[in-house]
C-alpha atoms as a PDB file:
ATOM      1  CA  UNK A   1      -3.781 215.023  68.932  1.00  0.00           C
ATOM      2  CA  UNK A   2      -6.898 214.021  67.075  1.00  0.00           C
ATOM      3  CA  UNK A   3      -7.898 217.738  66.746  1.00  0.00           C
ATOM      4  CA  UNK A   4      -4.617 218.322  64.820  1.00  0.00           C
ATOM      5  CA  UNK A   5      -4.981 215.358  62.499  1.00  0.00           C
ATOM      6  CA  UNK A   6      -8.582 215.933  61.394  1.00  0.00           C
ATOM      7  CA  UNK A   7      -8.047 219.188  59.465  1.00  0.00           C
ATOM      8  CA  UNK A   8      -5.096 217.614  57.678  1.00  0.00           C
ATOM      9  CA  UNK A   9      -7.142 214.618  56.660  1.00  0.00           C
ATOM     10  CA  UNK A  10     -10.041 216.834  55.517  1.00  0.00           C
ATOM     11  CA  UNK A  11      -7.754 219.058  53.356  1.00  0.00           C
ATOM     12  CA  UNK A  12      -6.109 215.922  51.851  1.00  0.00           C
ATOM     13  CA  UNK A  13      -9.396 214.466  50.863  1.00  0.00           C
ATOM     14  CA  UNK A  14     -10.654 217.750  49.337  1.00  0.00           C
ATOM     15  CA  UNK A  15      -7.515 218.184  47.377  1.00  0.00           C
ATOM     16  CA  UNK A  16      -7.591 214.584  45.976  1.00  0.00           C
ATOM     17  CA  UNK A  17      -4.466 213.404  47.552  1.00  0.00           C
ATOM     18  CA  UNK A  18      -6.018 210.677  49.712  1.00  0.00           C
ATOM     19  CA  UNK A  19      -4.054 207.851  48.170  1.00  0.00           C
ATOM     20  CA  UNK A  20      -0.731 209.471  48.442  1.00  0.00           C
ATOM     21  CA  UNK A  21      -1.460 210.723  51.928  1.00  0.00           C
ATOM     22  CA  UNK A  22      -2.661 207.278  53.069  1.00  0.00           C
ATOM     23  CA  UNK A  23       0.574 205.735  51.764  1.00  0.00           C
ATOM     24  CA  UNK A  24       2.741 208.416  53.290  1.00  0.00           C
ATOM     25  CA  UNK A  25       1.166 208.007  56.827  1.00  0.00           C
ATOM     26  CA  UNK A  26       1.364 204.226  56.681  1.00  0.00           C
ATOM     27  CA  UNK A  27       5.074 204.276  55.462  1.00  0.00           C
ATOM     28  CA  UNK A  28       5.858 206.643  58.291  1.00  0.00           C
ATOM     29  CA  UNK A  29       4.075 204.337  60.735  1.00  0.00           C
ATOM     30  CA  UNK A  30       5.805 201.304  59.305  1.00  0.00           C
ATOM     31  CA  UNK A  31       9.151 202.934  59.625  1.00  0.00           C
ATOM     32  CA  UNK A  32       8.550 203.874  63.207  1.00  0.00           C
ATOM     33  CA  UNK A  33       7.471 200.430  63.942  1.00  0.00           C
ATOM     34  CA  UNK A  34      10.451 198.738  62.402  1.00  0.00           C
ATOM     35  CA  UNK A  35      12.735 201.159  64.130  1.00  0.00           C
ATOM     36  CA  UNK A  36      11.192 200.400  67.571  1.00  0.00           C
ATOM     37  CA  UNK A  37      11.408 196.646  66.865  1.00  0.00           C
ATOM     38  CA  UNK A  38      15.046 196.807  65.900  1.00  0.00           C
ATOM     39  CA  UNK A  39      15.912 199.068  68.791  1.00  0.00           C
ATOM     40  CA  UNK A  40      14.348 196.825  71.406  1.00  0.00           C
ATOM     41  CA  UNK A  41      15.790 193.708  69.754  1.00  0.00           C
ATOM     42  CA  UNK A  42      19.252 195.204  70.025  1.00  0.00           C
ATOM     43  CA  UNK A  43      18.580 196.118  73.605  1.00  0.00           C
ATOM     44  CA  UNK A  44      17.332 192.550  74.389  1.00  0.00           C
ATOM     45  CA  UNK A  45      20.409 190.981  72.881  1.00  0.00           C
ATOM     46  CA  UNK A  46      22.587 193.425  74.799  1.00  0.00           C
ATOM     47  CA  UNK A  47      21.066 192.412  78.007  1.00  0.00           C
ATOM     48  CA  UNK A  48      21.101 188.656  77.192  1.00  0.00           C
ATOM     49  CA  UNK A  49      23.391 187.681  74.415  1.00  0.00           C
ATOM     50  CA  UNK A  50      22.498 183.994  74.848  1.00  0.00           C
ATOM     51  CA  UNK A  51      19.037 184.646  73.534  1.00  0.00           C
ATOM     52  CA  UNK A  52      20.183 186.077  70.256  1.00  0.00           C
ATOM     53  CA  UNK A  53      18.525 183.421  68.058  1.00  0.00           C
ATOM     54  CA  UNK A  54      15.133 183.679  69.757  1.00  0.00           C
ATOM     55  CA  UNK A  55      15.233 187.481  69.765  1.00  0.00           C
ATOM     56  CA  UNK A  56      16.188 187.652  66.129  1.00  0.00           C
ATOM     57  CA  UNK A  57      13.327 185.340  65.243  1.00  0.00           C
ATOM     58  CA  UNK A  58      10.757 187.437  67.065  1.00  0.00           C
ATOM     59  CA  UNK A  59      12.262 190.655  65.752  1.00  0.00           C
ATOM     60  CA  UNK A  60      12.060 189.565  62.159  1.00  0.00           C
ATOM     61  CA  UNK A  61       8.431 188.519  62.714  1.00  0.00           C
ATOM     62  CA  UNK A  62       7.538 191.854  64.228  1.00  0.00           C
ATOM     63  CA  UNK A  63       9.289 193.784  61.477  1.00  0.00           C
ATOM     64  CA  UNK A  64       7.500 191.728  58.801  1.00  0.00           C
ATOM     65  CA  UNK A  65       4.129 192.593  60.495  1.00  0.00           C
ATOM     66  CA  UNK A  66       5.040 196.287  60.643  1.00  0.00           C
ATOM     67  CA  UNK A  67       5.949 196.394  56.965  1.00  0.00           C
ATOM     68  CA  UNK A  68       2.689 194.618  56.049  1.00  0.00           C
ATOM     69  CA  UNK A  69       0.815 197.725  57.154  1.00  0.00           C
ATOM     70  CA  UNK A  70       2.744 199.696  54.504  1.00  0.00           C
ATOM     71  CA  UNK A  71       1.798 197.056  51.890  1.00  0.00           C
ATOM     72  CA  UNK A  72      -1.938 197.149  52.904  1.00  0.00           C
ATOM     73  CA  UNK A  73      -1.827 200.906  52.524  1.00  0.00           C
ATOM     74  CA  UNK A  74      -0.280 200.595  49.086  1.00  0.00           C
ATOM     75  CA  UNK A  75      -3.035 198.279  48.056  1.00  0.00           C
ATOM     76  CA  UNK A  76      -5.795 200.569  49.566  1.00  0.00           C
ATOM     77  CA  UNK A  77      -4.271 203.771  48.141  1.00  0.00           C
ATOM     78  CA  UNK A  78      -3.726 202.652  44.525  1.00  0.00           C
ATOM     79  CA  UNK A  79      -5.737 199.506  44.259  1.00  0.00           C
ATOM     80  CA  UNK A  80      -8.877 201.170  42.921  1.00  0.00           C
ATOM     81  CA  UNK A  81      -7.134 202.897  40.046  1.00  0.00           C
END
């Protein structure tokens, strides 16, 4: 896996697209994270409907933390300009 990513990173850095590439990768990671949190929250509520409030609270917290990664990448990618 790492051997496939390193040439992509090197080419992105050489072409000057590091900010856009960083933001794109972080956005994809945040999207995957939010999707996984939402799927598991729906599964948990399906298994135990009585725990809806607690599951919702934890799911919202997890989604906010996953989205924070995209915001950090936005700051890192375009903050120095």
